[in-house]
Structures are given as C-alpha cells and as structure tokens.
C-alpha cells in the first residue's frame, strides 16, 4: 500500500515538475500545494465535533468545500515565491535568491533522478529538441 502511494506521489510530482519547468518554482509549487491541502483536511476534521460526525454529516459538504478550497490552494501555490519574499523582508528575498542557487547546484539533479530513474526526462528532452530541429528545417526555404 505504501509503495503504491509512493508511486502515485512520485508520478504526480513528476507531472507538476514537467509542467512548471522542473526547477525551484516547480518544487515550491508542489510542496506549497501539498501543505495547503493537508491544512485544509486537518482543519475540516478539527472543526467537526467528532470523527464519526465528520464522516456521517459533513462528508458531502466537505467534498464540495474541499474542491473549492483545492482551487484556492492551487492559486495560492502558484504565488509561493511571493509568500517567501514577504517572510521577514528583506531576508525573505535574500533567502529566495539563495534558494535558487542552492536548488540548482545541489538539489535539482537528485530530485530529477528520483522522479525519472530511467532517464525518461532526458529521452523526452532530446526528442523535443529533435522535433524542434525538424520543424525549423521544414520552415527554411
């Protein structure tokens, strides 16, 4: 069960990684989104009178509210660098700049290798470059 959850998380994180550009922004987006979603679920459970009450009376309401909150959390996750910069100015901006350097230097390669152990990202990247080269040669007179 844990292996399946790990595989699901890894594939979700890999999709976010590709869509958001595969850098610190993608990593920050994914982490921010997960933290906000966990806060939402824990907050909903804490607001109910009991776990039984949560599952019997509030579950349907929770599903609709959670869907709405997920959209809000997605928008907040897009803006994660703003929260980082606002954290104790000017140190937040300095920390963000340092984070970009540290991430690119030390963390990006291990994270990419964890998500794409088969070199899937490198193969996809070279295929995209080849397709771009083919399109540019077709457009040349």
N, C-alpha and C. Protein backbone atom coordinates (compact mmCIF):
# COMPACT_ATOMS: atom_id res chain seq x y z
N UNK A 1 0.82 -1.19 0.00
CA UNK A 1 0.00 0.00 0.00
C UNK A 1 0.88 1.26 0.00
N UNK A 2 1.91 1.24 0.83
CA UNK A 2 2.80 2.39 0.91
C UNK A 2 3.57 2.57 -0.41
N UNK A 3 3.95 1.46 -1.04
CA UNK A 3 4.65 1.56 -2.33
C UNK A 3 3.74 2.18 -3.39
N UNK A 4 2.46 1.82 -3.35
CA UNK A 4 1.52 2.38 -4.32
C UNK A 4 1.34 3.88 -4.11
N UNK A 5 1.24 4.29 -2.84
CA UNK A 5 1.12 5.71 -2.53
C UNK A 5 2.38 6.47 -2.95
N UNK A 6 3.54 5.86 -2.71
CA UNK A 6 4.81 6.48 -3.11
C UNK A 6 4.86 6.63 -4.63
N UNK A 7 4.45 5.61 -5.35
CA UNK A 7 4.47 5.67 -6.81
C UNK A 7 3.49 6.73 -7.32
N UNK A 8 2.31 6.81 -6.69
CA UNK A 8 1.33 7.82 -7.09
C UNK A 8 1.88 9.21 -6.86
N UNK A 9 2.46 9.45 -5.67
CA UNK A 9 3.01 10.77 -5.36
C UNK A 9 4.14 11.12 -6.32
N UNK A 10 5.00 10.15 -6.60
CA UNK A 10 6.13 10.41 -7.50
C UNK A 10 5.64 10.76 -8.90
N UNK A 11 4.63 10.06 -9.39
CA UNK A 11 4.13 10.37 -10.74
C UNK A 11 3.44 11.73 -10.75
N UNK A 12 2.69 12.07 -9.67
CA UNK A 12 2.06 13.39 -9.59
C UNK A 12 3.12 14.48 -9.54
N UNK A 13 4.12 14.29 -8.71
CA UNK A 13 5.18 15.28 -8.57
C UNK A 13 5.93 15.44 -9.89
N UNK A 14 6.15 14.33 -10.61
CA UNK A 14 6.85 14.39 -11.90
C UNK A 14 6.04 15.19 -12.92
N UNK A 15 4.71 15.02 -12.91
CA UNK A 15 3.87 15.80 -13.84
C UNK A 15 3.96 17.29 -13.51
N UNK A 16 3.86 17.62 -12.23
CA UNK A 16 3.98 19.03 -11.81
C UNK A 16 5.35 19.56 -12.19
N UNK A 17 6.37 18.74 -11.98
CA UNK A 17 7.76 19.11 -12.29
C UNK A 17 7.89 19.49 -13.76
N UNK A 18 7.33 18.66 -14.64
CA UNK A 18 7.41 18.93 -16.08
C UNK A 18 6.62 20.18 -16.47
N UNK A 19 5.41 20.29 -15.95
CA UNK A 19 4.53 21.41 -16.31
C UNK A 19 5.10 22.74 -15.85
N UNK A 20 5.66 22.78 -14.65
CA UNK A 20 6.15 24.03 -14.06
C UNK A 20 7.61 24.33 -14.40
N UNK A 21 8.23 23.54 -15.23
CA UNK A 21 9.56 23.86 -15.71
C UNK A 21 10.70 23.12 -15.05
N UNK A 22 10.43 22.30 -14.07
CA UNK A 22 11.46 21.44 -13.49
C UNK A 22 12.51 22.14 -12.67
N UNK A 23 12.18 23.22 -12.02
CA UNK A 23 13.14 23.92 -11.19
C UNK A 23 12.61 24.18 -9.80
N UNK A 24 13.17 25.19 -9.17
CA UNK A 24 12.75 25.54 -7.82
C UNK A 24 11.29 25.95 -7.79
N UNK A 25 10.82 26.64 -8.82
CA UNK A 25 9.41 27.03 -8.85
C UNK A 25 8.51 25.81 -8.83
N UNK A 26 8.82 24.79 -9.62
CA UNK A 26 8.02 23.57 -9.65
C UNK A 26 8.02 22.87 -8.30
N UNK A 27 9.18 22.79 -7.70
CA UNK A 27 9.31 22.15 -6.40
C UNK A 27 8.54 22.95 -5.34
N UNK A 28 8.69 24.26 -5.34
CA UNK A 28 7.97 25.10 -4.40
C UNK A 28 6.47 25.02 -4.58
N UNK A 29 6.02 24.95 -5.83
CA UNK A 29 4.59 24.83 -6.11
C UNK A 29 4.05 23.54 -5.52
N UNK A 30 4.71 22.44 -5.80
CA UNK A 30 4.23 21.14 -5.33
C UNK A 30 4.21 21.07 -3.80
N UNK A 31 5.26 21.53 -3.17
CA UNK A 31 5.33 21.49 -1.70
C UNK A 31 4.26 22.41 -1.10
N UNK A 32 4.11 23.61 -1.65
CA UNK A 32 3.09 24.54 -1.14
C UNK A 32 1.70 23.96 -1.29
N UNK A 33 1.42 23.35 -2.44
CA UNK A 33 0.10 22.78 -2.67
C UNK A 33 -0.19 21.65 -1.68
N UNK A 34 0.77 20.77 -1.47
CA UNK A 34 0.57 19.66 -0.52
C UNK A 34 0.34 20.20 0.89
N UNK A 35 1.13 21.16 1.32
CA UNK A 35 0.98 21.74 2.66
C UNK A 35 -0.40 22.38 2.81
N UNK A 36 -0.84 23.13 1.81
CA UNK A 36 -2.15 23.77 1.89
C UNK A 36 -3.29 22.75 1.90
N UNK A 37 -3.16 21.69 1.13
CA UNK A 37 -4.19 20.65 1.11
C UNK A 37 -4.26 19.92 2.46
N UNK A 38 -3.11 19.61 3.04
CA UNK A 38 -3.10 18.95 4.34
C UNK A 38 -3.73 19.85 5.40
N UNK A 39 -3.40 21.14 5.37
CA UNK A 39 -4.01 22.08 6.31
C UNK A 39 -5.52 22.12 6.15
N UNK A 40 -6.01 22.07 4.92
CA UNK A 40 -7.45 22.09 4.67
C UNK A 40 -8.12 20.86 5.27
N UNK A 41 -7.57 19.68 5.01
CA UNK A 41 -8.16 18.44 5.53
C UNK A 41 -8.12 18.42 7.05
N UNK A 42 -6.98 18.74 7.63
CA UNK A 42 -6.86 18.73 9.08
C UNK A 42 -7.79 19.76 9.71
N UNK A 43 -7.91 20.92 9.10
CA UNK A 43 -8.81 21.95 9.61
C UNK A 43 -10.27 21.52 9.57
N UNK A 44 -10.67 20.85 8.49
CA UNK A 44 -12.04 20.36 8.39
C UNK A 44 -12.34 19.31 9.45
N UNK A 45 -11.41 18.41 9.65
CA UNK A 45 -11.60 17.37 10.67
C UNK A 45 -11.63 17.99 12.05
N UNK A 46 -10.78 18.98 12.30
CA UNK A 46 -10.73 19.63 13.61
C UNK A 46 -12.02 20.41 13.89
N UNK A 47 -12.65 20.96 12.87
CA UNK A 47 -13.89 21.72 13.06
C UNK A 47 -15.08 20.83 13.36
N UNK A 48 -15.04 19.58 12.95
CA UNK A 48 -16.17 18.70 13.24
C UNK A 48 -16.13 18.28 14.71
N UNK A 49 -17.29 17.93 15.23
CA UNK A 49 -17.38 17.59 16.64
C UNK A 49 -16.68 16.28 16.97
N UNK A 50 -16.72 15.34 16.04
CA UNK A 50 -16.03 14.06 16.22
C UNK A 50 -15.75 13.47 14.84
N UNK A 51 -14.93 12.46 14.81
CA UNK A 51 -14.62 11.80 13.54
C UNK A 51 -15.89 11.19 12.96
N UNK A 52 -16.71 10.58 13.81
CA UNK A 52 -17.97 9.99 13.34
C UNK A 52 -18.86 11.07 12.75
N UNK A 53 -18.94 12.22 13.41
CA UNK A 53 -19.71 13.35 12.90
C UNK A 53 -19.17 13.80 11.56
N UNK A 54 -17.87 13.83 11.44
CA UNK A 54 -17.24 14.23 10.18
C UNK A 54 -17.67 13.31 9.05
N UNK A 55 -17.62 12.01 9.28
CA UNK A 55 -17.94 11.06 8.22
C UNK A 55 -19.44 10.96 7.94
N UNK A 56 -20.28 11.15 8.94
CA UNK A 56 -21.72 10.98 8.71
C UNK A 56 -22.39 12.24 8.21
N UNK A 57 -22.10 13.38 8.80
CA UNK A 57 -22.85 14.59 8.46
C UNK A 57 -22.11 15.53 7.53
N UNK A 58 -20.82 15.61 7.66
CA UNK A 58 -20.09 16.64 6.93
C UNK A 58 -19.35 16.15 5.70
N UNK A 59 -19.40 14.87 5.42
CA UNK A 59 -18.60 14.34 4.32
C UNK A 59 -18.98 14.93 2.97
N UNK A 60 -20.28 14.97 2.66
CA UNK A 60 -20.72 15.52 1.37
C UNK A 60 -20.37 17.01 1.29
N UNK A 61 -20.66 17.73 2.36
CA UNK A 61 -20.32 19.16 2.41
C UNK A 61 -18.81 19.35 2.28
N UNK A 62 -18.05 18.47 2.94
CA UNK A 62 -16.59 18.55 2.89
C UNK A 62 -16.07 18.36 1.47
N UNK A 63 -16.66 17.42 0.73
CA UNK A 63 -16.19 17.15 -0.63
C UNK A 63 -16.34 18.39 -1.50
N UNK A 64 -17.51 19.05 -1.43
CA UNK A 64 -17.71 20.26 -2.24
C UNK A 64 -16.82 21.41 -1.77
N UNK A 65 -16.72 21.56 -0.46
CA UNK A 65 -15.88 22.63 0.08
C UNK A 65 -14.41 22.36 -0.22
N UNK A 66 -14.02 21.08 -0.15
CA UNK A 66 -12.63 20.71 -0.43
C UNK A 66 -12.28 21.01 -1.89
N UNK A 67 -13.22 20.74 -2.80
CA UNK A 67 -12.97 21.04 -4.22
C UNK A 67 -12.74 22.53 -4.42
N UNK A 68 -13.57 23.33 -3.77
CA UNK A 68 -13.40 24.79 -3.87
C UNK A 68 -12.09 25.22 -3.23
N UNK A 69 -11.81 24.69 -2.05
CA UNK A 69 -10.55 25.03 -1.37
C UNK A 69 -9.34 24.58 -2.17
N UNK A 70 -9.46 23.47 -2.87
CA UNK A 70 -8.34 22.99 -3.69
C UNK A 70 -8.02 23.97 -4.81
N UNK A 71 -9.05 24.55 -5.41
CA UNK A 71 -8.81 25.56 -6.44
C UNK A 71 -8.11 26.79 -5.85
N UNK A 72 -8.57 27.21 -4.68
CA UNK A 72 -7.94 28.35 -4.00
C UNK A 72 -6.49 28.00 -3.64
N UNK A 73 -6.28 26.79 -3.13
CA UNK A 73 -4.92 26.36 -2.79
C UNK A 73 -4.02 26.30 -4.01
N UNK A 74 -4.58 25.92 -5.15
CA UNK A 74 -3.79 25.88 -6.38
C UNK A 74 -3.33 27.30 -6.75
N UNK A 75 -4.24 28.26 -6.63
CA UNK A 75 -3.86 29.65 -6.92
C UNK A 75 -2.82 30.17 -5.94
N UNK A 76 -2.99 29.83 -4.66
CA UNK A 76 -2.00 30.24 -3.66
C UNK A 76 -0.65 29.59 -3.93
N UNK A 77 -0.67 28.33 -4.36
CA UNK A 77 0.58 27.63 -4.64
C UNK A 77 1.33 28.26 -5.82
N UNK A 78 0.58 28.79 -6.80
CA UNK A 78 1.22 29.49 -7.91
C UNK A 78 2.02 30.69 -7.42
N UNK A 79 1.57 31.29 -6.33
CA UNK A 79 2.19 32.52 -5.83
C UNK A 79 3.17 32.26 -4.69
N UNK A 80 3.67 31.05 -4.54
CA UNK A 80 4.52 30.73 -3.39
C UNK A 80 5.75 31.63 -3.26
N UNK A 81 6.38 32.09 -4.35
CA UNK A 81 7.54 32.97 -4.14
C UNK A 81 7.17 34.28 -3.44
N UNK A 82 5.94 34.75 -3.66
CA UNK A 82 5.51 35.99 -3.01
C UNK A 82 5.49 35.81 -1.49
N UNK A 83 4.96 34.69 -1.05
CA UNK A 83 4.93 34.41 0.40
C UNK A 83 6.34 34.32 0.96
N UNK A 84 7.22 33.73 0.19
CA UNK A 84 8.61 33.57 0.61
C UNK A 84 9.28 34.94 0.76
N UNK A 85 9.05 35.82 -0.21
CA UNK A 85 9.66 37.15 -0.18
C UNK A 85 9.06 37.99 0.95
N UNK A 86 7.77 37.84 1.21
CA UNK A 86 7.12 38.60 2.27
C UNK A 86 7.54 38.15 3.66
N UNK A 87 8.12 36.99 3.76
CA UNK A 87 8.56 36.48 5.05
C UNK A 87 9.78 37.29 5.50
N UNK A 88 9.61 38.07 6.50
CA UNK A 88 10.64 38.91 7.11
C UNK A 88 11.50 39.66 6.08
N UNK A 89 10.91 40.66 5.42
CA UNK A 89 11.68 41.45 4.46
C UNK A 89 12.90 42.09 5.11
N UNK A 90 13.98 42.25 4.48
CA UNK A 90 14.39 41.81 3.15
C UNK A 90 14.98 40.40 3.15
N UNK A 91 14.98 39.74 4.32
CA UNK A 91 15.61 38.43 4.41
C UNK A 91 14.89 37.37 3.57
N UNK A 92 13.57 37.53 3.39
CA UNK A 92 12.83 36.59 2.56
C UNK A 92 13.31 36.61 1.12
N UNK A 93 13.53 37.81 0.57
CA UNK A 93 14.02 37.93 -0.80
C UNK A 93 15.44 37.38 -0.92
N UNK A 94 16.26 37.66 0.08
CA UNK A 94 17.63 37.12 0.08
C UNK A 94 17.61 35.60 0.16
N UNK A 95 16.75 35.07 1.03
CA UNK A 95 16.63 33.62 1.17
C UNK A 95 16.14 32.98 -0.12
N UNK A 96 15.21 33.65 -0.82
CA UNK A 96 14.72 33.12 -2.10
C UNK A 96 15.84 33.08 -3.13
N UNK A 97 16.65 34.13 -3.20
CA UNK A 97 17.78 34.14 -4.12
C UNK A 97 18.78 33.04 -3.81
N UNK A 98 19.08 32.86 -2.54
CA UNK A 98 19.99 31.79 -2.12
C UNK A 98 19.39 30.43 -2.44
N UNK A 99 18.07 30.31 -2.25
CA UNK A 99 17.39 29.04 -2.54
C UNK A 99 17.52 28.66 -4.00
N UNK A 100 17.38 29.63 -4.90
CA UNK A 100 17.54 29.34 -6.33
C UNK A 100 18.94 28.80 -6.61
N UNK A 101 19.95 29.39 -6.03
CA UNK A 101 21.32 28.93 -6.24
C UNK A 101 21.53 27.54 -5.65
N UNK A 102 21.12 27.35 -4.40
CA UNK A 102 21.31 26.05 -3.72
C UNK A 102 20.53 24.96 -4.45
N UNK A 103 19.32 25.27 -4.85
CA UNK A 103 18.50 24.27 -5.54
C UNK A 103 19.15 23.85 -6.85
N UNK A 104 19.54 24.81 -7.66
CA UNK A 104 20.14 24.49 -8.96
C UNK A 104 21.46 23.75 -8.81
N UNK A 105 22.23 24.08 -7.78
CA UNK A 105 23.54 23.49 -7.60
C UNK A 105 23.49 22.10 -6.96
N UNK A 106 22.65 21.94 -5.94
CA UNK A 106 22.72 20.71 -5.13
C UNK A 106 21.47 19.83 -5.17
N UNK A 107 20.31 20.36 -5.43
CA UNK A 107 19.08 19.58 -5.26
C UNK A 107 18.40 19.15 -6.55
N UNK A 108 18.54 19.91 -7.61
CA UNK A 108 17.78 19.60 -8.83
C UNK A 108 18.13 18.23 -9.40
N UNK A 109 19.39 17.91 -9.50
CA UNK A 109 19.78 16.63 -10.09
C UNK A 109 19.29 15.43 -9.26
N UNK A 110 19.47 15.41 -7.92
CA UNK A 110 18.94 14.28 -7.15
C UNK A 110 17.42 14.13 -7.24
N UNK A 111 16.70 15.26 -7.25
CA UNK A 111 15.25 15.19 -7.36
C UNK A 111 14.85 14.66 -8.73
N UNK A 112 15.50 15.14 -9.77
CA UNK A 112 15.21 14.66 -11.13
C UNK A 112 15.51 13.17 -11.25
N UNK A 113 16.63 12.72 -10.69
CA UNK A 113 16.96 11.29 -10.73
C UNK A 113 15.97 10.45 -9.95
N UNK A 114 15.42 10.99 -8.85
CA UNK A 114 14.43 10.27 -8.07
C UNK A 114 13.13 10.12 -8.86
N UNK A 115 12.72 11.18 -9.55
CA UNK A 115 11.46 11.14 -10.29
C UNK A 115 11.58 10.38 -11.59
N UNK A 116 12.71 10.45 -12.23
CA UNK A 116 12.91 9.83 -13.55
C UNK A 116 14.12 8.90 -13.51
N UNK A 117 14.01 7.78 -12.79
CA UNK A 117 15.18 6.90 -12.64
C UNK A 117 15.63 6.25 -13.95
N UNK A 118 14.74 6.16 -14.92
CA UNK A 118 15.07 5.51 -16.18
C UNK A 118 15.63 6.47 -17.21
N UNK A 119 15.88 7.70 -16.83
CA UNK A 119 16.34 8.70 -17.78
C UNK A 119 15.22 9.16 -18.70
N UNK A 120 13.98 8.98 -18.27
CA UNK A 120 12.81 9.33 -19.06
C UNK A 120 12.81 10.80 -19.44
N UNK A 121 13.19 11.67 -18.53
CA UNK A 121 13.19 13.12 -18.79
C UNK A 121 14.23 13.47 -19.85
N UNK A 122 15.40 12.86 -19.78
CA UNK A 122 16.45 13.15 -20.76
C UNK A 122 16.04 12.67 -22.15
N UNK A 123 15.41 11.50 -22.22
CA UNK A 123 14.96 10.98 -23.51
C UNK A 123 13.87 11.88 -24.09
N UNK A 124 12.95 12.32 -23.25
CA UNK A 124 11.88 13.21 -23.70
C UNK A 124 12.44 14.55 -24.15
N UNK A 125 13.42 15.07 -23.43
CA UNK A 125 14.03 16.35 -23.78
C UNK A 125 14.74 16.27 -25.13
N UNK A 126 15.49 15.19 -25.37
CA UNK A 126 16.20 15.06 -26.64
C UNK A 126 15.22 14.87 -27.79
N UNK A 127 14.09 14.18 -27.52
CA UNK A 127 13.06 14.01 -28.54
C UNK A 127 12.43 15.35 -28.90
N UNK A 128 12.18 16.20 -27.91
CA UNK A 128 11.62 17.52 -28.16
C UNK A 128 12.59 18.38 -28.96
N UNK A 129 13.88 18.31 -28.65
CA UNK A 129 14.88 19.07 -29.39
C UNK A 129 14.93 18.61 -30.85
N UNK A 130 14.85 17.28 -31.05
CA UNK A 130 14.89 16.74 -32.40
C UNK A 130 13.65 17.20 -33.19
N UNK A 131 12.48 17.15 -32.54
CA UNK A 131 11.25 17.60 -33.21
C UNK A 131 11.33 19.09 -33.54
N UNK A 132 11.90 19.89 -32.66
CA UNK A 132 12.06 21.33 -32.92
C UNK A 132 13.01 21.54 -34.09
N UNK A 133 14.06 20.75 -34.17
CA UNK A 133 15.01 20.86 -35.27
C UNK A 133 14.37 20.47 -36.59
N UNK A 134 13.53 19.44 -36.56
CA UNK A 134 12.83 19.01 -37.77
C UNK A 134 11.87 20.10 -38.26
N UNK A 135 11.17 20.74 -37.33
CA UNK A 135 10.22 21.79 -37.71
C UNK A 135 10.95 23.02 -38.28
N UNK A 136 12.09 23.37 -37.72
CA UNK A 136 12.81 24.55 -38.22
C UNK A 136 13.41 24.26 -39.59
N UNK A 137 13.83 23.01 -39.86
CA UNK A 137 14.38 22.70 -41.18
C UNK A 137 13.27 22.67 -42.23
N UNK A 138 12.03 22.30 -41.81
CA UNK A 138 10.91 22.31 -42.75
C UNK A 138 10.51 23.73 -43.12
N UNK A 139 10.67 24.66 -42.20
CA UNK A 139 10.25 26.04 -42.43
C UNK A 139 11.29 26.82 -43.24
N UNK A 140 12.52 26.33 -43.27
CA UNK A 140 13.58 27.02 -44.03
C UNK A 140 13.32 26.85 -45.51
N UNK A 141 13.57 27.93 -46.30
CA UNK A 141 13.35 27.83 -47.77
C UNK A 141 14.44 27.05 -48.45
